[in-house]
C-alpha atoms as a PDB file:
ATOM      1  CA  MET A   1     -21.280   0.681 -10.536  1.00  0.00           C
ATOM      2  CA  ALA A   2     -23.105  -0.775  -7.526  1.00  0.00           C
ATOM      3  CA  ASP A   3     -22.461   0.822  -4.146  1.00  0.00           C
ATOM      4  CA  ARG A   4     -19.974  -1.002  -1.963  1.00  0.00           C
ATOM      5  CA  VAL A   5     -21.585  -3.270   0.623  1.00  0.00           C
ATOM      6  CA  THR A   6     -20.874  -2.075   4.168  1.00  0.00           C
ATOM      7  CA  GLN A   7     -21.171  -3.533   7.651  1.00  0.00           C
ATOM      8  CA  ALA A   8     -24.372  -1.533   8.024  1.00  0.00           C
ATOM      9  CA  ASP A   9     -25.873  -3.485   5.114  1.00  0.00           C
ATOM     10  CA  VAL A  10     -24.817  -6.761   6.716  1.00  0.00           C
ATOM     11  CA  ALA A  11     -26.280  -5.705  10.071  1.00  0.00           C
ATOM     12  CA  LYS A  12     -29.592  -4.850   8.420  1.00  0.00           C
ATOM     13  CA  ALA A  13     -29.688  -8.180   6.556  1.00  0.00           C
ATOM     14  CA  ALA A  14     -28.830 -10.115   9.719  1.00  0.00           C
ATOM     15  CA  GLY A  15     -31.203  -8.182  11.950  1.00  0.00           C
ATOM     16  CA  THR A  16     -28.466  -7.224  14.364  1.00  0.00           C
ATOM     17  CA  SER A  17     -26.238  -4.275  15.234  1.00  0.00           C
ATOM     18  CA  MET A  18     -23.124  -3.050  13.409  1.00  0.00           C
ATOM     19  CA  ALA A  19     -21.144  -3.745  16.571  1.00  0.00           C
ATOM     20  CA  VAL A  20     -22.073  -7.423  16.455  1.00  0.00           C
ATOM     21  CA  VAL A  21     -21.102  -7.603  12.768  1.00  0.00           C
ATOM     22  CA  SER A  22     -17.750  -6.030  13.652  1.00  0.00           C
ATOM     23  CA  TYR A  23     -17.176  -8.591  16.414  1.00  0.00           C
ATOM     24  CA  VAL A  24     -17.791 -11.436  13.955  1.00  0.00           C
ATOM     25  CA  VAL A  25     -15.612  -9.953  11.200  1.00  0.00           C
ATOM     26  CA  ASN A  26     -12.713  -9.084  13.498  1.00  0.00           C
ATOM     27  CA  GLY A  27     -12.981 -12.031  15.871  1.00  0.00           C
ATOM     28  CA  GLY A  28     -13.802  -9.872  18.887  1.00  0.00           C
ATOM     29  CA  PRO A  29     -13.278  -8.178  21.211  1.00  0.00           C
ATOM     30  CA  ARG A  30     -16.612  -9.499  22.564  1.00  0.00           C
ATOM     31  CA  PRO A  31     -17.992 -13.024  22.080  1.00  0.00           C
ATOM     32  CA  VAL A  32     -21.003 -13.580  19.835  1.00  0.00           C
ATOM     33  CA  ALA A  33     -23.597 -16.313  20.346  1.00  0.00           C
ATOM     34  CA  THR A  34     -23.277 -19.186  17.894  1.00  0.00           C
ATOM     35  CA  ALA A  35     -26.707 -18.649  16.327  1.00  0.00           C
ATOM     36  CA  THR A  36     -26.128 -14.908  15.947  1.00  0.00           C
ATOM     37  CA  ARG A  37     -22.679 -15.478  14.481  1.00  0.00           C
ATOM     38  CA  GLN A  38     -24.114 -17.853  11.892  1.00  0.00           C
ATOM     39  CA  ARG A  39     -26.812 -15.321  11.023  1.00  0.00           C
ATOM     40  CA  VAL A  40     -24.142 -12.688  10.403  1.00  0.00           C
ATOM     41  CA  LEU A  41     -22.050 -15.078   8.286  1.00  0.00           C
ATOM     42  CA  ASP A  42     -25.120 -15.946   6.204  1.00  0.00           C
ATOM     43  CA  ALA A  43     -25.807 -12.232   5.703  1.00  0.00           C
ATOM     44  CA  ILE A  44     -22.196 -11.645   4.632  1.00  0.00           C
ATOM     45  CA  GLN A  45     -22.559 -14.363   2.006  1.00  0.00           C
ATOM     46  CA  ARG A  46     -25.910 -13.025   0.739  1.00  0.00           C
ATOM     47  CA  THR A  47     -24.768  -9.419   0.496  1.00  0.00           C
ATOM     48  CA  GLY A  48     -21.307 -10.150  -0.905  1.00  0.00           C
ATOM     49  CA  TYR A  49     -19.617  -8.106   1.819  1.00  0.00           C
ATOM     50  CA  ARG A  50     -15.807  -8.081   1.672  1.00  0.00           C
ATOM     51  CA  PRO A  51     -13.940  -6.870   4.778  1.00  0.00           C
ATOM     52  CA  ASP A  52     -11.336  -4.144   4.254  1.00  0.00           C
ATOM     53  CA  GLY A  53      -7.991  -5.882   4.728  1.00  0.00           C
ATOM     54  CA  ILE A  54      -6.177  -2.705   5.749  1.00  0.00           C
ATOM     55  CA  ALA A  55      -8.896  -1.764   8.211  1.00  0.00           C
ATOM     56  CA  ARG A  56      -8.726  -5.242   9.701  1.00  0.00           C
ATOM     57  CA  ALA A  57      -4.966  -4.854  10.009  1.00  0.00           C
ATOM     58  CA  LEU A  58      -5.499  -1.821  12.211  1.00  0.00           C
ATOM     59  CA  VAL A  59      -7.552  -4.024  14.515  1.00  0.00           C
ATOM     60  CA  GLY A  60      -5.918  -7.433  14.224  1.00  0.00           C
ATOM     61  CA  GLY A  61      -2.402  -6.501  13.146  1.00  0.00           C
ATOM     62  CA  SER A  62      -2.292  -8.527   9.921  1.00  0.00           C
ATOM     63  CA  THR A  63      -3.411  -8.193   6.316  1.00  0.00           C
ATOM     64  CA  LEU A  64      -2.280 -11.753   5.489  1.00  0.00           C
ATOM     65  CA  THR A  65      -0.312 -10.144   2.655  1.00  0.00           C
ATOM     66  CA  LEU A  66       3.378 -10.312   1.778  1.00  0.00           C
ATOM     67  CA  GLY A  67       5.333  -8.159  -0.651  1.00  0.00           C
ATOM     68  CA  LEU A  68       7.889  -9.347  -3.188  1.00  0.00           C
ATOM     69  CA  VAL A  69      10.198  -6.913  -4.981  1.00  0.00           C
ATOM     70  CA  VAL A  70      12.431  -8.117  -7.836  1.00  0.00           C
ATOM     71  CA  PRO A  71      14.652  -6.142 -10.234  1.00  0.00           C
ATOM     72  CA  ASP A  72      13.135  -7.461 -13.473  1.00  0.00           C
ATOM     73  CA  ILE A  73      10.068  -9.693 -13.699  1.00  0.00           C
ATOM     74  CA  ALA A  74      10.869 -10.353 -17.378  1.00  0.00           C
ATOM     75  CA  ASN A  75      13.995 -12.211 -16.218  1.00  0.00           C
ATOM     76  CA  GLU A  76      13.117 -15.923 -16.229  1.00  0.00           C
ATOM     77  CA  PHE A  77      14.990 -16.570 -12.991  1.00  0.00           C
ATOM     78  CA  PHE A  78      13.114 -13.853 -11.091  1.00  0.00           C
ATOM     79  CA  ALA A  79       9.809 -14.966 -12.622  1.00  0.00           C
ATOM     80  CA  GLU A  80      10.390 -18.526 -11.434  1.00  0.00           C
ATOM     81  CA  LEU A  81      11.414 -17.263  -7.998  1.00  0.00           C
ATOM     82  CA  ALA A  82       8.252 -15.144  -7.807  1.00  0.00           C
ATOM     83  CA  GLY A  83       6.164 -18.184  -8.669  1.00  0.00           C
ATOM     84  CA  ALA A  84       7.837 -20.219  -5.938  1.00  0.00           C
ATOM     85  CA  VAL A  85       7.324 -17.467  -3.336  1.00  0.00           C
ATOM     86  CA  GLU A  86       3.663 -17.063  -4.313  1.00  0.00           C
ATOM     87  CA  GLN A  87       3.022 -20.801  -4.171  1.00  0.00           C
ATOM     88  CA  THR A  88       4.663 -21.126  -0.760  1.00  0.00           C
ATOM     89  CA  ALA A  89       2.809 -18.103   0.616  1.00  0.00           C
ATOM     90  CA  ARG A  90      -0.542 -19.297  -0.755  1.00  0.00           C
ATOM     91  CA  ALA A  91      -0.081 -22.650   0.972  1.00  0.00           C
ATOM     92  CA  ALA A  92       0.298 -20.676   4.216  1.00  0.00           C
ATOM     93  CA  GLY A  93      -2.864 -18.659   3.575  1.00  0.00           C
ATOM     94  CA  ARG A  94      -1.077 -15.519   2.413  1.00  0.00           C
ATOM     95  CA  THR A  95      -1.402 -13.333  -0.672  1.00  0.00           C
ATOM     96  CA  VAL A  96       1.675 -11.897  -2.422  1.00  0.00           C
ATOM     97  CA  LEU A  97       1.888  -8.428  -3.965  1.00  0.00           C
ATOM     98  CA  LEU A  98       4.570  -8.490  -6.675  1.00  0.00           C
ATOM     99  CA  ALA A  99       6.537  -5.412  -7.753  1.00  0.00           C
ATOM    100  CA  SER A 100       9.347  -4.979 -10.292  1.00  0.00           C
ATOM    101  CA  SER A 101      11.858  -2.181  -9.700  1.00  0.00           C
ATOM    102  CA  GLU A 102      13.371  -2.393 -13.213  1.00  0.00           C
ATOM    103  CA  GLY A 103      16.762  -2.363 -11.503  1.00  0.00           C
ATOM    104  CA  ASN A 104      16.305   1.254 -10.400  1.00  0.00           C
ATOM    105  CA  THR A 105      16.952   2.288  -6.797  1.00  0.00           C
ATOM    106  CA  ASP A 106      14.472   5.183  -6.776  1.00  0.00           C
ATOM    107  CA  SER A 107      11.794   2.931  -8.225  1.00  0.00           C
ATOM    108  CA  GLU A 108      12.560   0.249  -5.662  1.00  0.00           C
ATOM    109  CA  LEU A 109      12.208   2.629  -2.725  1.00  0.00           C
ATOM    110  CA  ALA A 110       8.976   4.068  -4.144  1.00  0.00           C
ATOM    111  CA  LEU A 111       7.550   0.559  -4.510  1.00  0.00           C
ATOM    112  CA  LEU A 112       8.485  -0.237  -0.923  1.00  0.00           C
ATOM    113  CA  GLU A 113       6.671   2.920   0.209  1.00  0.00           C
ATOM    114  CA  THR A 114       3.570   1.730  -1.637  1.00  0.00           C
ATOM    115  CA  LEU A 115       3.781  -1.716  -0.066  1.00  0.00           C
ATOM    116  CA  LEU A 116       4.161  -0.160   3.378  1.00  0.00           C
ATOM    117  CA  GLN A 117       1.005   1.860   2.754  1.00  0.00           C
ATOM    118  CA  ARG A 118      -0.759  -1.448   2.047  1.00  0.00           C
ATOM    119  CA  ARG A 119       0.353  -2.600   5.506  1.00  0.00           C
ATOM    120  CA  ILE A 120       1.960  -5.788   4.272  1.00  0.00           C
ATOM    121  CA  ASP A 121       3.031  -8.264   6.942  1.00  0.00           C
ATOM    122  CA  GLY A 122       6.503  -8.671   5.449  1.00  0.00           C
ATOM    123  CA  VAL A 123       8.540  -8.412   2.269  1.00  0.00           C
ATOM    124  CA  VAL A 124      10.970 -10.565   0.314  1.00  0.00           C
ATOM    125  CA  ILE A 125      13.280  -8.343  -1.705  1.00  0.00           C
ATOM    126  CA  ILE A 126      16.091  -8.580  -4.223  1.00  0.00           C
ATOM    127  CA  SER A 127      17.487  -5.112  -3.693  1.00  0.00           C
ATOM    128  CA  GLN A 128      19.650  -2.724  -5.685  1.00  0.00           C
ATOM    129  CA  ALA A 129      20.361  -0.705  -2.532  1.00  0.00           C
ATOM    130  CA  PRO A 130      19.949  -3.044   0.453  1.00  0.00           C
ATOM    131  CA  GLU A 131      21.038  -0.591   3.150  1.00  0.00           C
ATOM    132  CA  LEU A 132      18.553   2.061   1.978  1.00  0.00           C
ATOM    133  CA  ALA A 133      15.778  -0.494   1.598  1.00  0.00           C
ATOM    134  CA  ASP A 134      16.489  -1.926   5.038  1.00  0.00           C
ATOM    135  CA  GLU A 135      16.382   1.529   6.624  1.00  0.00           C
ATOM    136  CA  LEU A 136      13.016   2.277   5.019  1.00  0.00           C
ATOM    137  CA  LEU A 137      11.506  -1.051   6.065  1.00  0.00           C
ATOM    138  CA  GLU A 138      12.874  -0.639   9.591  1.00  0.00           C
ATOM    139  CA  GLN A 139      11.096   2.716   9.830  1.00  0.00           C
ATOM    140  CA  GLY A 140       7.903   0.942   8.812  1.00  0.00           C
ATOM    141  CA  ASN A 141       8.539  -1.792  11.404  1.00  0.00           C
ATOM    142  CA  THR A 142       8.159  -4.359   8.621  1.00  0.00           C
ATOM    143  CA  ARG A 143       9.664  -7.835   8.612  1.00  0.00           C
ATOM    144  CA  ARG A 144      11.920  -8.463   5.614  1.00  0.00           C
ATOM    145  CA  VAL A 145      14.188 -11.047   4.048  1.00  0.00           C
ATOM    146  CA  PHE A 146      16.803 -10.027   1.485  1.00  0.00           C
ATOM    147  CA  LEU A 147      17.749 -12.411  -1.308  1.00  0.00           C
ATOM    148  CA  GLY A 148      21.217 -11.925  -2.761  1.00  0.00           C
ATOM    149  CA  ALA A 149      22.653  -8.516  -1.899  1.00  0.00           C
ATOM    150  CA  ALA A 150      21.896  -7.784   1.752  1.00  0.00           C
ATOM    151  CA  PRO A 151      22.417  -5.131   4.423  1.00  0.00           C
ATOM    152  CA  GLU A 152      24.886  -5.678   7.231  1.00  0.00           C
ATOM    153  CA  HIS A 153      22.218  -6.805   9.688  1.00  0.00           C
ATOM    154  CA  GLY A 154      18.936  -8.698   9.471  1.00  0.00           C
ATOM    155  CA  SER A 155      17.802 -11.762   7.555  1.00  0.00           C
ATOM    156  CA  SER A 156      19.260 -12.678   4.195  1.00  0.00           C
ATOM    157  CA  ILE A 157      19.341 -15.722   1.952  1.00  0.00           C
ATOM    158  CA  GLY A 158      21.973 -16.119  -0.721  1.00  0.00           C
ATOM    159  CA  VAL A 159      23.733 -18.817  -2.682  1.00  0.00           C
ATOM    160  CA  ASP A 160      27.383 -19.734  -3.029  1.00  0.00           C
ATOM    161  CA  ASN A 161      28.029 -17.492  -6.028  1.00  0.00           C
ATOM    162  CA  THR A 162      31.803 -17.721  -5.721  1.00  0.00           C
ATOM    163  CA  GLY A 163      31.817 -21.495  -5.399  1.00  0.00           C
ATOM    164  CA  GLY A 164      29.357 -21.872  -8.254  1.00  0.00           C
ATOM    165  CA  ALA A 165      31.407 -19.682 -10.583  1.00  0.00           C
ATOM    166  CA  PHE A 166      34.532 -21.618  -9.631  1.00  0.00           C
ATOM    167  CA  ALA A 167      32.799 -24.931 -10.423  1.00  0.00           C
ATOM    168  CA  ALA A 168      31.543 -23.644 -13.781  1.00  0.00           C
ATOM    169  CA  THR A 169      34.993 -22.441 -14.811  1.00  0.00           C
ATOM    170  CA  GLN A 170      36.696 -25.560 -13.488  1.00  0.00           C
ATOM    171  CA  HIS A 171      34.364 -27.689 -15.611  1.00  0.00           C
ATOM    172  CA  LEU A 172      35.522 -25.829 -18.723  1.00  0.00           C
ATOM    173  CA  LEU A 173      39.162 -26.204 -17.676  1.00  0.00           C
ATOM    174  CA  GLU A 174      38.628 -29.952 -17.348  1.00  0.00           C
ATOM    175  CA  HIS A 175      37.561 -29.949 -21.003  1.00  0.00           C
ATOM    176  CA  GLY A 176      41.052 -28.674 -21.817  1.00  0.00           C
ATOM    177  CA  TYR A 177      40.150 -25.057 -22.551  1.00  0.00           C
ATOM    178  CA  GLU A 178      42.701 -22.448 -21.474  1.00  0.00           C
ATOM    179  CA  ARG A 179      41.271 -19.173 -22.784  1.00  0.00           C
ATOM    180  CA  ILE A 180      38.040 -18.937 -20.811  1.00  0.00           C
ATOM    181  CA  ALA A 181      36.454 -15.493 -20.837  1.00  0.00           C
ATOM    182  CA  LEU A 182      33.760 -14.138 -18.537  1.00  0.00           C
ATOM    183  CA  ILE A 183      30.673 -12.107 -19.348  1.00  0.00           C
ATOM    184  CA  GLY A 184      30.175 -10.710 -15.867  1.00  0.00           C
ATOM    185  CA  GLY A 185      27.371  -8.725 -14.314  1.00  0.00           C
ATOM    186  CA  PRO A 186      27.269  -4.983 -13.619  1.00  0.00           C
ATOM    187  CA  ALA A 187      30.332  -3.493 -11.926  1.00  0.00           C
ATOM    188  CA  GLY A 188      29.685  -2.949  -8.233  1.00  0.00           C
ATOM    189  CA  ASP A 189      26.880  -5.520  -8.024  1.00  0.00           C
ATOM    190  CA  SER A 190      27.723  -7.816  -5.096  1.00  0.00           C
ATOM    191  CA  VAL A 191      26.399 -10.964  -6.773  1.00  0.00           C
ATOM    192  CA  ALA A 192      28.316 -10.160  -9.961  1.00  0.00           C
ATOM    193  CA  GLU A 193      31.480  -9.483  -7.975  1.00  0.00           C
ATOM    194  CA  ASP A 194      31.233 -12.826  -6.157  1.00  0.00           C
ATOM    195  CA  ARG A 195      30.889 -14.668  -9.478  1.00  0.00           C
ATOM    196  CA  LEU A 196      33.836 -12.717 -10.873  1.00  0.00           C
ATOM    197  CA  ILE A 197      35.957 -13.797  -7.897  1.00  0.00           C
ATOM    198  CA  GLY A 198      35.052 -17.457  -8.408  1.00  0.00           C
ATOM    199  CA  TRP A 199      36.017 -17.276 -12.090  1.00  0.00           C
ATOM    200  CA  GLN A 200      39.309 -15.561 -11.239  1.00  0.00           C
ATOM    201  CA  GLN A 201      40.150 -18.147  -8.582  1.00  0.00           C
ATOM    202  CA  ALA A 202      39.626 -20.987 -11.050  1.00  0.00           C
ATOM    203  CA  MET A 203      41.597 -19.269 -13.826  1.00  0.00           C
ATOM    204  CA  GLY A 204      44.611 -18.592 -11.634  1.00  0.00           C
ATOM    205  CA  ASP A 205      47.520 -17.257 -13.718  1.00  0.00           C
ATOM    206  CA  ARG A 206      45.977 -18.128 -17.079  1.00  0.00           C
ATOM    207  CA  GLU A 207      45.225 -15.465 -19.665  1.00  0.00           C
ATOM    208  CA  ALA A 208      41.746 -14.227 -18.860  1.00  0.00           C
ATOM    209  CA  HIS A 209      39.492 -11.515 -20.273  1.00  0.00           C
ATOM    210  CA  PHE A 210      36.169 -10.346 -18.910  1.00  0.00           C
ATOM    211  CA  VAL A 211      33.551  -7.685 -19.527  1.00  0.00           C
ATOM    212  CA  HIS A 212      30.952  -6.124 -17.236  1.00  0.00           C
ATOM    213  CA  GLN A 213      27.437  -6.200 -18.684  1.00  0.00           C
ATOM    214  CA  PRO A 214      23.858  -6.067 -17.359  1.00  0.00           C
ATOM    215  CA  PHE A 215      22.192  -9.380 -16.534  1.00  0.00           C
ATOM    216  CA  THR A 216      20.188  -9.175 -19.766  1.00  0.00           C
ATOM    217  CA  VAL A 217      20.035 -10.888 -23.157  1.00  0.00           C
ATOM    218  CA  ASP A 218      21.359  -7.728 -24.788  1.00  0.00           C
ATOM    219  CA  GLY A 219      24.155  -7.544 -22.213  1.00  0.00           C
ATOM    220  CA  GLY A 220      25.203 -11.059 -23.148  1.00  0.00           C
ATOM    221  CA  TYR A 221      25.057 -10.272 -26.852  1.00  0.00           C
ATOM    222  CA  VAL A 222      27.122  -7.084 -26.602  1.00  0.00           C
ATOM    223  CA  GLY A 223      29.634  -8.641 -24.212  1.00  0.00           C
ATOM    224  CA  ALA A 224      30.090 -11.681 -26.432  1.00  0.00           C
ATOM    225  CA  LEU A 225      30.739  -9.582 -29.539  1.00  0.00           C
ATOM    226  CA  GLU A 226      33.407  -7.637 -27.639  1.00  0.00           C
ATOM    227  CA  LEU A 227      35.156 -10.799 -26.455  1.00  0.00           C
ATOM    228  CA  LEU A 228      34.882 -12.620 -29.783  1.00  0.00           C
ATOM    229  CA  GLY A 229      36.286  -9.603 -31.602  1.00  0.00           C
ATOM    230  CA  SER A 230      39.449  -9.436 -29.502  1.00  0.00           C
ATOM    231  CA  ALA A 231      42.918 -10.296 -30.828  1.00  0.00           C
ATOM    232  CA  THR A 232      42.866 -13.566 -28.862  1.00  0.00           C
ATOM    233  CA  PRO A 233      39.225 -14.685 -28.826  1.00  0.00           C
ATOM    234  CA  PRO A 234      38.201 -17.152 -26.126  1.00  0.00           C
ATOM    235  CA  GLN A 235      37.828 -20.882 -26.561  1.00  0.00           C
ATOM    236  CA  ALA A 236      35.072 -20.883 -23.960  1.00  0.00           C
ATOM    237  CA  VAL A 237      32.913 -18.368 -22.093  1.00  0.00           C
ATOM    238  CA  PHE A 238      31.376 -18.428 -18.633  1.00  0.00           C
ATOM    239  CA  ALA A 239      28.263 -16.225 -18.674  1.00  0.00           C
ATOM    240  CA  ALA A 240      27.265 -14.944 -15.234  1.00  0.00           C
ATOM    241  CA  SER A 241      23.545 -15.435 -15.929  1.00  0.00           C
ATOM    242  CA  ASP A 242      21.284 -17.515 -18.147  1.00  0.00           C
ATOM    243  CA  ARG A 243      19.897 -14.411 -19.836  1.00  0.00           C
ATOM    244  CA  GLN A 244      23.378 -13.295 -20.835  1.00  0.00           C
ATOM    245  CA  ALA A 245      24.051 -16.789 -22.177  1.00  0.00           C
ATOM    246  CA  ILE A 246      21.026 -16.558 -24.490  1.00  0.00           C
ATOM    247  CA  GLY A 247      22.473 -13.349 -25.952  1.00  0.00           C
ATOM    248  CA  LEU A 248      25.867 -15.023 -26.193  1.00  0.00           C
ATOM    249  CA  LEU A 249      24.409 -17.877 -28.268  1.00  0.00           C
ATOM    250  CA  ARG A 250      22.946 -15.372 -30.728  1.00  0.00           C
ATOM    251  CA  ALA A 251      26.246 -13.473 -30.969  1.00  0.00           C
ATOM    252  CA  ALA A 252      28.135 -16.699 -31.642  1.00  0.00           C
ATOM    253  CA  ALA A 253      25.678 -17.615 -34.396  1.00  0.00           C
ATOM    254  CA  ASP A 254      25.988 -14.149 -35.950  1.00  0.00           C
ATOM    255  CA  GLU A 255      29.775 -14.603 -35.979  1.00  0.00           C
ATOM    256  CA  GLY A 256      29.458 -17.973 -37.692  1.00  0.00           C
ATOM    257  CA  LEU A 257      30.520 -19.947 -34.627  1.00  0.00           C
ATOM    258  CA  SER A 258      28.982 -23.224 -33.516  1.00  0.00           C
ATOM    259  CA  VAL A 259      28.406 -23.907 -29.809  1.00  0.00           C
ATOM    260  CA  PRO A 260      30.049 -26.031 -28.476  1.00  0.00           C
ATOM    261  CA  ASP A 261      32.205 -27.044 -31.470  1.00  0.00           C
ATOM    262  CA  ASP A 262      33.816 -23.609 -31.908  1.00  0.00           C
ATOM    263  CA  LEU A 263      32.966 -22.056 -28.544  1.00  0.00           C
ATOM    264  CA  ALA A 264      32.019 -23.762 -25.271  1.00  0.00           C
ATOM    265  CA  VAL A 265      29.569 -22.076 -22.890  1.00  0.00           C
ATOM    266  CA  VAL A 266      28.638 -22.499 -19.225  1.00  0.00           C
ATOM    267  CA  THR A 267      26.231 -20.198 -17.415  1.00  0.00           C
ATOM    268  CA  PHE A 268      24.683 -19.477 -13.993  1.00  0.00           C
ATOM    269  CA  ASP A 269      21.080 -19.557 -12.668  1.00  0.00           C
ATOM    270  CA  GLY A 270      19.470 -22.770 -13.863  1.00  0.00           C
ATOM    271  CA  SER A 271      16.251 -21.188 -15.124  1.00  0.00           C
ATOM    272  CA  ALA A 272      13.859 -23.418 -17.060  1.00  0.00           C
ATOM    273  CA  ALA A 273      14.801 -21.595 -20.272  1.00  0.00           C
ATOM    274  CA  SER A 274      18.380 -22.868 -20.020  1.00  0.00           C
ATOM    275  CA  ALA A 275      17.212 -26.416 -20.757  1.00  0.00           C
ATOM    276  CA  TYR A 276      15.433 -25.355 -23.962  1.00  0.00           C
ATOM    277  CA  ALA A 277      18.164 -23.221 -25.524  1.00  0.00           C
ATOM    278  CA  VAL A 278      19.931 -24.638 -28.584  1.00  0.00           C
ATOM    279  CA  PRO A 279      22.216 -26.148 -27.563  1.00  0.00           C
ATOM    280  CA  SER A 280      20.927 -26.765 -24.045  1.00  0.00           C
ATOM    281  CA  LEU A 281      22.962 -24.792 -21.539  1.00  0.00           C
ATOM    282  CA  THR A 282      25.275 -26.299 -18.960  1.00  0.00           C
ATOM    283  CA  THR A 283      24.462 -24.161 -15.941  1.00  0.00           C
ATOM    284  CA  ILE A 284      24.910 -23.611 -12.229  1.00  0.00           C
ATOM    285  CA  GLN A 285      21.485 -24.370 -10.719  1.00  0.00           C
ATOM    286  CA  GLN A 286      20.213 -22.128  -7.940  1.00  0.00           C
ATOM    287  CA  PRO A 287      17.827 -23.773  -5.409  1.00  0.00           C
ATOM    288  CA  ILE A 288      14.819 -21.577  -6.215  1.00  0.00           C
ATOM    289  CA  THR A 289      12.204 -23.558  -4.285  1.00  0.00           C
ATOM    290  CA  GLU A 290      14.390 -23.838  -1.189  1.00  0.00           C
ATOM    291  CA  MET A 291      15.091 -20.096  -1.267  1.00  0.00           C
ATOM    292  CA  ALA A 292      11.386 -19.261  -1.534  1.00  0.00           C
ATOM    293  CA  GLU A 293      10.304 -21.649   1.218  1.00  0.00           C
ATOM    294  CA  LEU A 294      13.005 -20.457   3.608  1.00  0.00           C
ATOM    295  CA  ALA A 295      12.203 -16.781   2.951  1.00  0.00           C
ATOM    296  CA  VAL A 296       8.455 -17.157   3.501  1.00  0.00           C
ATOM    297  CA  ARG A 297       8.954 -19.329   6.574  1.00  0.00           C
ATOM    298  CA  GLN A 298      11.280 -16.705   8.055  1.00  0.00           C
ATOM    299  CA  LEU A 299       8.708 -13.946   7.489  1.00  0.00           C
ATOM    300  CA  LEU A 300       5.837 -15.897   9.016  1.00  0.00           C
ATOM    301  CA  ASP A 301       7.698 -17.055  12.128  1.00  0.00           C
ATOM    302  CA  LEU A 302       7.330 -13.997  14.328  1.00  0.00           C
ATOM    303  CA  HIS A 303       9.688 -15.464  16.929  1.00  0.00           C
ATOM    304  CA  ALA A 304      12.492 -16.468  14.556  1.00  0.00           C
ATOM    305  CA  ASP A 305      15.941 -14.980  15.021  1.00  0.00           C
ATOM    306  CA  PRO A 306      17.499 -13.312  11.941  1.00  0.00           C
ATOM    307  CA  ILE A 307      19.183 -15.747   9.556  1.00  0.00           C
ATOM    308  CA  ARG A 308      22.193 -15.374   7.256  1.00  0.00           C
ATOM    309  CA  ALA A 309      21.794 -18.393   4.989  1.00  0.00           C
ATOM    310  CA  VAL A 310      24.084 -19.309   2.086  1.00  0.00           C
ATOM    311  CA  LEU A 311      22.654 -22.197   0.059  1.00  0.00           C
ATOM    312  CA  ASP A 312      24.568 -24.625  -2.111  1.00  0.00           C
ATOM    313  CA  VAL A 313      24.335 -24.596  -5.905  1.00  0.00           C
ATOM    314  CA  ALA A 314      24.769 -27.487  -8.345  1.00  0.00           C
ATOM    315  CA  LEU A 315      26.370 -27.913 -11.757  1.00  0.00           C
ATOM    316  CA  VAL A 316      23.837 -29.206 -14.308  1.00  0.00           C
ATOM    317  CA  VAL A 317      25.710 -30.606 -17.310  1.00  0.00           C
ATOM    318  CA  ARG A 318      24.065 -30.286 -20.717  1.00  0.00           C
ATOM    319  CA  ARG A 319      25.348 -29.763 -24.286  1.00  0.00           C
ATOM    320  CA  SER A 320      26.784 -26.227 -24.455  1.00  0.00           C
ATOM    321  CA  CYS A 321      30.034 -27.132 -22.676  1.00  0.00           C
ATOM    322  CA  GLY A 322      30.889 -29.919 -25.098  1.00  0.00           C
ATOM    323  CA  CYS A 323      29.887 -32.902 -22.976  1.00  0.00           C
ATOM    324  CA  SER A 324      28.743 -35.330 -25.678  1.00  0.00           C
ATOM    325  CA  SER A 325      26.996 -37.640 -23.221  1.00  0.00           C
ATOM    326  CA  ALA A 326      24.972 -34.858 -21.591  1.00  0.00           C
ATOM    327  CA  ARG A 327      21.203 -34.615 -21.818  1.00  0.00           C
ATOM    328  CA  PRO A 328      19.832 -32.595 -24.778  1.00  0.00           C
END
């Protein structure tokens, strides 16, 4: 392996001092004559020198790098969100370091420690333990925006989970279904609890059964089998995430049920995969691009006050609910 090119190599190639090279690389603190500056830049290009981002951060205060922590990068919704954050950050001249906590608090905090060591300029995080994460990032004096579950103070961006769940359930009620079950998220998860509340508000005094399951395909499959095997199986199911709905579709097929003829389904997230399921899934669409743009903009605006944003969601009607005129 070739030795790493240093500022000394650049200085030698440019016929100048290391101090002058440092002034050019770091933008100061002393001015450099135009001709000398160009000579240094030419030498940097010839030698292939790459400045140390962390070292530059010690001088200039920025690595031009943001962190993004999600619970599960295999989840289509989080993958799409990561893509939107990266695209927005890249347009602003920033690089994004992506980390997946696998839904584990200890892993999440360890990943945040690693990102802090990289001297990131800020972090967007979907946290399993927002108060702990916020405390750690505060100690590191790092700007942060929480998506979904959030600490009591600081910037957060969420969506109307309760209103979205209410709209999803209400849509099924308008089809004439009375026994509408819920495959909810993990017990104690704030997003899952908000969606549970919305479903309960729409159901009112009607008979209603629900199960807590992870936001995974397997969680949807297991939860669906439990509900379908009950003494009074549901006529329709609201799945609290697209991934759970995919598992639900498989469980229905294994039980010999046709969706939507035998069982209607509405879900939440609006990931791209929901449009390609068979049948296509009626879903509550989250504004992924808007969330990403708002989060990155908040991190980059050093003078911005903390925000507590709750964005609207939208019902996207497809085939799984029984709407015959819906798009495939």
